[in-house]
Amino acid sequence: MNHLYHIAFDATFVSRLTILGEMYTLVEGYFIGKQIGEFKGTPATGKVVNVPMFLEYDFENEMIKRCRIYNEMPVMLRQLGVPMG
């Protein structure tokens, strides 16, 4: 995550919705950042992306046991101008 947020992009996560449970937490939001380094073979473009993202945290003994991250990679690639095919 450090590479994605601080090396490939100068980015942040903006939360839109959080659902808390005893065994899990769900967070919906947006990955927003400027591409400042290489990402998936694409050199830095300087373009800003705004990509929907969803995180699911599972807890055990009040500690994060697992985190699953879902994002709209086609949206990000399209915003960067990467040809998809």
PDB file of N, CA and C in Angstrom:
ATOM      1  N   MET A   1       0.821  -1.187   0.000  1.00  0.00           N
ATOM      2  CA  MET A   1       0.000   0.000   0.000  1.00  0.00           C
ATOM      3  C   MET A   1       0.869   1.257   0.000  1.00  0.00           C
ATOM      4  N   ASN A   2       2.028   1.185   0.663  1.00  0.00           N
ATOM      5  CA  ASN A   2       2.933   2.334   0.674  1.00  0.00           C
ATOM      6  C   ASN A   2       3.326   2.708  -0.747  1.00  0.00           C
ATOM      7  N   HIS A   3       3.665   1.702  -1.561  1.00  0.00           N
ATOM      8  CA  HIS A   3       4.057   1.967  -2.951  1.00  0.00           C
ATOM      9  C   HIS A   3       2.922   2.656  -3.706  1.00  0.00           C
ATOM     10  N   LEU A   4       1.714   2.143  -3.567  1.00  0.00           N
ATOM     11  CA  LEU A   4       0.570   2.695  -4.290  1.00  0.00           C
ATOM     12  C   LEU A   4       0.281   4.134  -3.867  1.00  0.00           C
ATOM     13  N   TYR A   5       0.276   4.392  -2.564  1.00  0.00           N
ATOM     14  CA  TYR A   5      -0.125   5.703  -2.046  1.00  0.00           C
ATOM     15  C   TYR A   5       0.985   6.752  -2.049  1.00  0.00           C
ATOM     16  N   HIS A   6       2.264   6.328  -2.035  1.00  0.00           N
ATOM     17  CA  HIS A   6       3.335   7.302  -1.858  1.00  0.00           C
ATOM     18  C   HIS A   6       4.434   7.273  -2.915  1.00  0.00           C
ATOM     19  N   ILE A   7       4.516   6.200  -3.696  1.00  0.00           N
ATOM     20  CA  ILE A   7       5.562   6.108  -4.710  1.00  0.00           C
ATOM     21  C   ILE A   7       4.977   6.203  -6.118  1.00  0.00           C
ATOM     22  N   ALA A   8       3.977   5.367  -6.416  1.00  0.00           N
ATOM     23  CA  ALA A   8       3.325   5.435  -7.726  1.00  0.00           C
ATOM     24  C   ALA A   8       2.385   6.645  -7.799  1.00  0.00           C
ATOM     25  N   PHE A   9       1.749   6.955  -6.674  1.00  0.00           N
ATOM     26  CA  PHE A   9       0.816   8.076  -6.607  1.00  0.00           C
ATOM     27  C   PHE A   9       1.093   8.898  -5.352  1.00  0.00           C
ATOM     28  N   ASP A  10       0.725  10.138  -5.414  1.00  0.00           N
ATOM     29  CA  ASP A  10       0.615  10.963  -4.206  1.00  0.00           C
ATOM     30  C   ASP A  10      -0.878  10.946  -3.926  1.00  0.00           C
ATOM     31  N   ALA A  11      -1.304  10.040  -3.039  1.00  0.00           N
ATOM     32  CA  ALA A  11      -2.728   9.745  -2.940  1.00  0.00           C
ATOM     33  C   ALA A  11      -3.229   9.682  -1.509  1.00  0.00           C
ATOM     34  N   THR A  12      -4.537   9.689  -1.410  1.00  0.00           N
ATOM     35  CA  THR A  12      -5.227   9.542  -0.143  1.00  0.00           C
ATOM     36  C   THR A  12      -6.496   8.743  -0.378  1.00  0.00           C
ATOM     37  N   PHE A  13      -7.082   8.270   0.705  1.00  0.00           N
ATOM     38  CA  PHE A  13      -8.361   7.582   0.640  1.00  0.00           C
ATOM     39  C   PHE A  13      -9.388   8.470   1.315  1.00  0.00           C
ATOM     40  N   VAL A  14     -10.498   8.724   0.630  1.00  0.00           N
ATOM     41  CA  VAL A  14     -11.576   9.528   1.175  1.00  0.00           C
ATOM     42  C   VAL A  14     -12.756   8.597   1.423  1.00  0.00           C
ATOM     43  N   SER A  15     -13.101   8.444   2.685  1.00  0.00           N
ATOM     44  CA  SER A  15     -14.192   7.557   3.082  1.00  0.00           C
ATOM     45  C   SER A  15     -15.538   8.213   2.817  1.00  0.00           C
ATOM     46  N   ARG A  16     -16.464   7.429   2.291  1.00  0.00           N
ATOM     47  CA  ARG A  16     -17.817   7.909   2.044  1.00  0.00           C
ATOM     48  C   ARG A  16     -18.820   7.247   2.981  1.00  0.00           C
ATOM     49  N   LEU A  17     -18.576   5.968   3.316  1.00  0.00           N
ATOM     50  CA  LEU A  17     -19.502   5.210   4.143  1.00  0.00           C
ATOM     51  C   LEU A  17     -18.724   4.167   4.936  1.00  0.00           C
ATOM     52  N   THR A  18     -19.022   4.044   6.216  1.00  0.00           N
ATOM     53  CA  THR A  18     -18.396   3.033   7.064  1.00  0.00           C
ATOM     54  C   THR A  18     -19.495   2.297   7.822  1.00  0.00           C
ATOM     55  N   ILE A  19     -19.411   0.981   7.796  1.00  0.00           N
ATOM     56  CA  ILE A  19     -20.350   0.138   8.530  1.00  0.00           C
ATOM     57  C   ILE A  19     -19.533  -0.691   9.511  1.00  0.00           C
ATOM     58  N   LEU A  20     -19.833  -0.521  10.800  1.00  0.00           N
ATOM     59  CA  LEU A  20     -19.083  -1.205  11.847  1.00  0.00           C
ATOM     60  C   LEU A  20     -19.882  -2.385  12.378  1.00  0.00           C
ATOM     61  N   GLY A  21     -19.219  -3.526  12.528  1.00  0.00           N
ATOM     62  CA  GLY A  21     -19.807  -4.692  13.151  1.00  0.00           C
ATOM     63  C   GLY A  21     -18.844  -5.248  14.178  1.00  0.00           C
ATOM     64  N   GLU A  22     -19.279  -6.217  14.946  1.00  0.00           N
ATOM     65  CA  GLU A  22     -18.399  -6.815  15.952  1.00  0.00           C
ATOM     66  C   GLU A  22     -17.258  -7.591  15.321  1.00  0.00           C
ATOM     67  N   MET A  23     -17.517  -8.237  14.199  1.00  0.00           N
ATOM     68  CA  MET A  23     -16.518  -9.099  13.570  1.00  0.00           C
ATOM     69  C   MET A  23     -15.936  -8.522  12.282  1.00  0.00           C
ATOM     70  N   TYR A  24     -16.495  -7.409  11.804  1.00  0.00           N
ATOM     71  CA  TYR A  24     -16.034  -6.841  10.547  1.00  0.00           C
ATOM     72  C   TYR A  24     -16.318  -5.341  10.493  1.00  0.00           C
ATOM     73  N   THR A  25     -15.632  -4.673   9.591  1.00  0.00           N
ATOM     74  CA  THR A  25     -15.913  -3.286   9.243  1.00  0.00           C
ATOM     75  C   THR A  25     -15.854  -3.177   7.729  1.00  0.00           C
ATOM     76  N   LEU A  26     -16.804  -2.477   7.161  1.00  0.00           N
ATOM     77  CA  LEU A  26     -16.852  -2.237   5.719  1.00  0.00           C
ATOM     78  C   LEU A  26     -16.669  -0.737   5.486  1.00  0.00           C
ATOM     79  N   VAL A  27     -15.818  -0.388   4.530  1.00  0.00           N
ATOM     80  CA  VAL A  27     -15.561   1.022   4.232  1.00  0.00           C
ATOM     81  C   VAL A  27     -15.650   1.219   2.721  1.00  0.00           C
ATOM     82  N   GLU A  28     -16.464   2.179   2.328  1.00  0.00           N
ATOM     83  CA  GLU A  28     -16.583   2.538   0.915  1.00  0.00           C
ATOM     84  C   GLU A  28     -16.048   3.948   0.747  1.00  0.00           C
ATOM     85  N   GLY A  29     -15.314   4.168  -0.335  1.00  0.00           N
ATOM     86  CA  GLY A  29     -14.786   5.499  -0.564  1.00  0.00           C
ATOM     87  C   GLY A  29     -14.080   5.608  -1.891  1.00  0.00           C
ATOM     88  N   TYR A  30     -13.117   6.519  -1.941  1.00  0.00           N
ATOM     89  CA  TYR A  30     -12.416   6.815  -3.191  1.00  0.00           C
ATOM     90  C   TYR A  30     -10.917   6.931  -2.964  1.00  0.00           C
ATOM     91  N   PHE A  31     -10.153   6.311  -3.841  1.00  0.00           N
ATOM     92  CA  PHE A  31      -8.706   6.483  -3.930  1.00  0.00           C
ATOM     93  C   PHE A  31      -8.524   7.698  -4.835  1.00  0.00           C
ATOM     94  N   ILE A  32      -7.933   8.765  -4.309  1.00  0.00           N
ATOM     95  CA  ILE A  32      -7.737   9.991  -5.084  1.00  0.00           C
ATOM     96  C   ILE A  32      -6.267  10.359  -5.031  1.00  0.00           C
ATOM     97  N   GLY A  33      -5.659  10.505  -6.205  1.00  0.00           N
ATOM     98  CA  GLY A  33      -4.245  10.844  -6.215  1.00  0.00           C
ATOM     99  C   GLY A  33      -3.698  11.191  -7.577  1.00  0.00           C
ATOM    100  N   LYS A  34      -2.515  11.763  -7.539  1.00  0.00           N
ATOM    101  CA  LYS A  34      -1.786  12.143  -8.749  1.00  0.00           C
ATOM    102  C   LYS A  34      -0.695  11.110  -8.998  1.00  0.00           C
ATOM    103  N   GLN A  35      -0.608  10.601 -10.226  1.00  0.00           N
ATOM    104  CA  GLN A  35       0.420   9.609 -10.543  1.00  0.00           C
ATOM    105  C   GLN A  35       1.779  10.299 -10.633  1.00  0.00           C
ATOM    106  N   ILE A  36       2.675   9.921  -9.714  1.00  0.00           N
ATOM    107  CA  ILE A  36       3.998  10.551  -9.644  1.00  0.00           C
ATOM    108  C   ILE A  36       5.122   9.571  -9.948  1.00  0.00           C
ATOM    109  N   GLY A  37       4.780   8.292 -10.120  1.00  0.00           N
ATOM    110  CA  GLY A  37       5.783   7.273 -10.410  1.00  0.00           C
ATOM    111  C   GLY A  37       5.204   6.188 -11.287  1.00  0.00           C
ATOM    112  N   GLU A  38       6.022   5.219 -11.629  1.00  0.00           N
ATOM    113  CA  GLU A  38       5.597   4.117 -12.491  1.00  0.00           C
ATOM    114  C   GLU A  38       4.498   3.309 -11.821  1.00  0.00           C
ATOM    115  N   PHE A  39       3.495   2.928 -12.616  1.00  0.00           N
ATOM    116  CA  PHE A  39       2.399   2.094 -12.124  1.00  0.00           C
ATOM    117  C   PHE A  39       1.998   1.111 -13.209  1.00  0.00           C
ATOM    118  N   LYS A  40       2.165  -0.171 -12.915  1.00  0.00           N
ATOM    119  CA  LYS A  40       1.808  -1.248 -13.855  1.00  0.00           C
ATOM    120  C   LYS A  40       2.430  -1.021 -15.233  1.00  0.00           C
ATOM    121  N   GLY A  41       3.691  -0.614 -15.245  1.00  0.00           N
ATOM    122  CA  GLY A  41       4.412  -0.417 -16.498  1.00  0.00           C
ATOM    123  C   GLY A  41       4.189   0.932 -17.158  1.00  0.00           C
ATOM    124  N   THR A  42       3.341   1.761 -16.576  1.00  0.00           N
ATOM    125  CA  THR A  42       3.075   3.084 -17.140  1.00  0.00           C
ATOM    126  C   THR A  42       3.884   4.127 -16.381  1.00  0.00           C
ATOM    127  N   PRO A  43       4.761   4.856 -17.090  1.00  0.00           N
ATOM    128  CA  PRO A  43       5.536   5.904 -16.420  1.00  0.00           C
ATOM    129  C   PRO A  43       4.615   6.984 -15.858  1.00  0.00           C
ATOM    130  N   ALA A  44       5.123   7.776 -14.938  1.00  0.00           N
ATOM    131  CA  ALA A  44       4.343   8.845 -14.315  1.00  0.00           C
ATOM    132  C   ALA A  44       3.708   9.733 -15.377  1.00  0.00           C
ATOM    133  N   THR A  45       2.413   9.957 -15.236  1.00  0.00           N
ATOM    134  CA  THR A  45       1.682  10.799 -16.191  1.00  0.00           C
ATOM    135  C   THR A  45       1.354  12.166 -15.618  1.00  0.00           C
ATOM    136  N   GLY A  46       1.389  12.290 -14.287  1.00  0.00           N
ATOM    137  CA  GLY A  46       0.971  13.529 -13.643  1.00  0.00           C
ATOM    138  C   GLY A  46      -0.539  13.681 -13.594  1.00  0.00           C
ATOM    139  N   LYS A  47      -1.264  12.665 -14.097  1.00  0.00           N
ATOM    140  CA  LYS A  47      -2.724  12.730 -14.101  1.00  0.00           C
ATOM    141  C   LYS A  47      -3.282  12.400 -12.722  1.00  0.00           C
ATOM    142  N   VAL A  48      -4.426  12.995 -12.437  1.00  0.00           N
ATOM    143  CA  VAL A  48      -5.130  12.745 -11.185  1.00  0.00           C
ATOM    144  C   VAL A  48      -6.223  11.710 -11.439  1.00  0.00           C
ATOM    145  N   VAL A  49      -6.304  10.736 -10.540  1.00  0.00           N
ATOM    146  CA  VAL A  49      -7.342   9.713 -10.634  1.00  0.00           C
ATOM    147  C   VAL A  49      -8.265   9.805  -9.430  1.00  0.00           C
ATOM    148  N   ASN A  50      -9.485   9.366  -9.636  1.00  0.00           N
ATOM    149  CA  ASN A  50     -10.504   9.303  -8.592  1.00  0.00           C
ATOM    150  C   ASN A  50     -11.208   7.966  -8.805  1.00  0.00           C
ATOM    151  N   VAL A  51     -10.840   6.975  -7.987  1.00  0.00           N
ATOM    152  CA  VAL A  51     -11.244   5.594  -8.233  1.00  0.00           C
ATOM    153  C   VAL A  51     -12.068   5.047  -7.066  1.00  0.00           C
ATOM    154  N   PRO A  52     -13.273   4.524  -7.350  1.00  0.00           N
ATOM    155  CA  PRO A  52     -14.061   3.909  -6.287  1.00  0.00           C
ATOM    156  C   PRO A  52     -13.306   2.741  -5.659  1.00  0.00           C
ATOM    157  N   MET A  53     -13.396   2.622  -4.331  1.00  0.00           N
ATOM    158  CA  MET A  53     -12.694   1.560  -3.611  1.00  0.00           C
ATOM    159  C   MET A  53     -13.564   1.088  -2.451  1.00  0.00           C
ATOM    160  N   PHE A  54     -13.449  -0.200  -2.140  1.00  0.00           N
ATOM    161  CA  PHE A  54     -14.215  -0.814  -1.058  1.00  0.00           C
ATOM    162  C   PHE A  54     -13.265  -1.674  -0.241  1.00  0.00           C
ATOM    163  N   LEU A  55     -13.277  -1.520   1.078  1.00  0.00           N
ATOM    164  CA  LEU A  55     -12.410  -2.297   1.960  1.00  0.00           C
ATOM    165  C   LEU A  55     -13.256  -3.077   2.947  1.00  0.00           C
ATOM    166  N   GLU A  56     -12.848  -4.303   3.199  1.00  0.00           N
ATOM    167  CA  GLU A  56     -13.515  -5.153   4.180  1.00  0.00           C
ATOM    168  C   GLU A  56     -12.476  -5.635   5.175  1.00  0.00           C
ATOM    169  N   TYR A  57     -12.669  -5.307   6.444  1.00  0.00           N
ATOM    170  CA  TYR A  57     -11.761  -5.719   7.515  1.00  0.00           C
ATOM    171  C   TYR A  57     -12.448  -6.771   8.373  1.00  0.00           C
ATOM    172  N   ASP A  58     -11.786  -7.905   8.569  1.00  0.00           N
ATOM    173  CA  ASP A  58     -12.275  -8.938   9.479  1.00  0.00           C
ATOM    174  C   ASP A  58     -11.474  -8.846  10.766  1.00  0.00           C
ATOM    175  N   PHE A  59     -12.158  -8.945  11.904  1.00  0.00           N
ATOM    176  CA  PHE A  59     -11.515  -8.831  13.213  1.00  0.00           C
ATOM    177  C   PHE A  59     -11.570 -10.153  13.982  1.00  0.00           C
ATOM    178  N   GLU A  60     -10.535 -10.378  14.752  1.00  0.00           N
ATOM    179  CA  GLU A  60     -10.484 -11.499  15.681  1.00  0.00           C
ATOM    180  C   GLU A  60      -9.727 -11.026  16.913  1.00  0.00           C
ATOM    181  N   ASN A  61     -10.324 -11.178  18.093  1.00  0.00           N
ATOM    182  CA  ASN A  61      -9.717 -10.709  19.339  1.00  0.00           C
ATOM    183  C   ASN A  61      -9.347  -9.232  19.261  1.00  0.00           C
ATOM    184  N   GLU A  62     -10.251  -8.444  18.696  1.00  0.00           N
ATOM    185  CA  GLU A  62     -10.090  -6.995  18.576  1.00  0.00           C
ATOM    186  C   GLU A  62      -8.896  -6.564  17.730  1.00  0.00           C
ATOM    187  N   MET A  63      -8.417  -7.470  16.880  1.00  0.00           N
ATOM    188  CA  MET A  63      -7.301  -7.162  15.981  1.00  0.00           C
ATOM    189  C   MET A  63      -7.746  -7.459  14.548  1.00  0.00           C
ATOM    190  N   ILE A  64      -7.203  -6.704  13.585  1.00  0.00           N
ATOM    191  CA  ILE A  64      -7.504  -6.974  12.186  1.00  0.00           C
ATOM    192  C   ILE A  64      -6.867  -8.302  11.806  1.00  0.00           C
ATOM    193  N   LYS A  65      -7.689  -9.229  11.368  1.00  0.00           N
ATOM    194  CA  LYS A  65      -7.213 -10.546  10.944  1.00  0.00           C
ATOM    195  C   LYS A  65      -6.963 -10.563   9.433  1.00  0.00           C
ATOM    196  N   ARG A  66      -7.813  -9.869   8.687  1.00  0.00           N
ATOM    197  CA  ARG A  66      -7.722  -9.891   7.228  1.00  0.00           C
ATOM    198  C   ARG A  66      -8.318  -8.597   6.684  1.00  0.00           C
ATOM    199  N   CYS A  67      -7.745  -8.118   5.603  1.00  0.00           N
ATOM    200  CA  CYS A  67      -8.293  -6.962   4.896  1.00  0.00           C
ATOM    201  C   CYS A  67      -8.386  -7.305   3.415  1.00  0.00           C
ATOM    202  N   ARG A  68      -9.554  -7.097   2.862  1.00  0.00           N
ATOM    203  CA  ARG A  68      -9.734  -7.299   1.423  1.00  0.00           C
ATOM    204  C   ARG A  68     -10.019  -5.935   0.800  1.00  0.00           C
ATOM    205  N   ILE A  69      -9.355  -5.655  -0.308  1.00  0.00           N
ATOM    206  CA  ILE A  69      -9.493  -4.359  -0.971  1.00  0.00           C
ATOM    207  C   ILE A  69      -9.993  -4.601  -2.389  1.00  0.00           C
ATOM    208  N   TYR A  70     -11.070  -3.935  -2.714  1.00  0.00           N
ATOM    209  CA  TYR A  70     -11.655  -4.032  -4.049  1.00  0.00           C
ATOM    210  C   TYR A  70     -11.636  -2.637  -4.657  1.00  0.00           C
ATOM    211  N   ASN A  71     -11.140  -2.546  -5.897  1.00  0.00           N
ATOM    212  CA  ASN A  71     -11.162  -1.249  -6.564  1.00  0.00           C
ATOM    213  C   ASN A  71     -11.530  -1.436  -8.027  1.00  0.00           C
ATOM    214  N   GLU A  72     -11.828  -0.357  -8.661  1.00  0.00           N
ATOM    215  CA  GLU A  72     -12.215  -0.352 -10.077  1.00  0.00           C
ATOM    216  C   GLU A  72     -10.977  -0.072 -10.933  1.00  0.00           C
ATOM    217  N   MET A  73     -10.135  -1.097 -11.096  1.00  0.00           N
ATOM    218  CA  MET A  73      -8.896  -0.926 -11.860  1.00  0.00           C
ATOM    219  C   MET A  73      -9.147  -0.413 -13.286  1.00  0.00           C
ATOM    220  N   PRO A  74     -10.180  -0.888 -13.997  1.00  0.00           N
ATOM    221  CA  PRO A  74     -10.426  -0.322 -15.335  1.00  0.00           C
ATOM    222  C   PRO A  74     -10.676   1.187 -15.296  1.00  0.00           C
ATOM    223  N   VAL A  75     -11.321   1.667 -14.239  1.00  0.00           N
ATOM    224  CA  VAL A  75     -11.563   3.107 -14.096  1.00  0.00           C
ATOM    225  C   VAL A  75     -10.227   3.835 -13.955  1.00  0.00           C
ATOM    226  N   MET A  76      -9.345   3.299 -13.104  1.00  0.00           N
ATOM    227  CA  MET A  76      -8.041   3.931 -12.909  1.00  0.00           C
ATOM    228  C   MET A  76      -7.235   3.955 -14.206  1.00  0.00           C
ATOM    229  N   LEU A  77      -7.166   2.816 -14.888  1.00  0.00           N
ATOM    230  CA  LEU A  77      -6.386   2.740 -16.131  1.00  0.00           C
ATOM    231  C   LEU A  77      -6.942   3.678 -17.189  1.00  0.00           C
ATOM    232  N   ARG A  78      -8.255   3.761 -17.284  1.00  0.00           N
ATOM    233  CA  ARG A  78      -8.884   4.670 -18.254  1.00  0.00           C
ATOM    234  C   ARG A  78      -8.526   6.114 -17.915  1.00  0.00           C
ATOM    235  N   GLN A  79      -8.561   6.492 -16.622  1.00  0.00           N
ATOM    236  CA  GLN A  79      -8.227   7.849 -16.220  1.00  0.00           C
ATOM    237  C   GLN A  79      -6.756   8.188 -16.475  1.00  0.00           C
ATOM    238  N   LEU A  80      -5.909   7.151 -16.445  1.00  0.00           N
ATOM    239  CA  LEU A  80      -4.483   7.362 -16.733  1.00  0.00           C
ATOM    240  C   LEU A  80      -4.196   7.366 -18.239  1.00  0.00           C
ATOM    241  N   GLY A  81      -5.197   6.982 -19.027  1.00  0.00           N
ATOM    242  CA  GLY A  81      -5.007   6.939 -20.476  1.00  0.00           C
ATOM    243  C   GLY A  81      -4.308   5.686 -20.966  1.00  0.00           C
ATOM    244  N   VAL A  82      -4.342   4.628 -20.142  1.00  0.00           N
ATOM    245  CA  VAL A  82      -3.704   3.357 -20.524  1.00  0.00           C
ATOM    246  C   VAL A  82      -4.633   2.606 -21.455  1.00  0.00           C
ATOM    247  N   PRO A  83      -4.138   2.206 -22.631  1.00  0.00           N
ATOM    248  CA  PRO A  83      -4.991   1.446 -23.559  1.00  0.00           C
ATOM    249  C   PRO A  83      -5.367   0.095 -22.955  1.00  0.00           C
ATOM    250  N   MET A  84      -6.618  -0.243 -23.046  1.00  0.00           N
ATOM    251  CA  MET A  84      -7.082  -1.541 -22.541  1.00  0.00           C
ATOM    252  C   MET A  84      -7.594  -2.339 -23.736  1.00  0.00           C
ATOM    253  N   GLY A  85      -7.229  -3.591 -23.739  1.00  0.00           N
ATOM    254  CA  GLY A  85      -7.699  -4.366 -24.893  1.00  0.00           C
ATOM    255  C   GLY A  85      -7.420  -5.807 -24.796  1.00  0.00           C
TER     256      GLY A  85
END
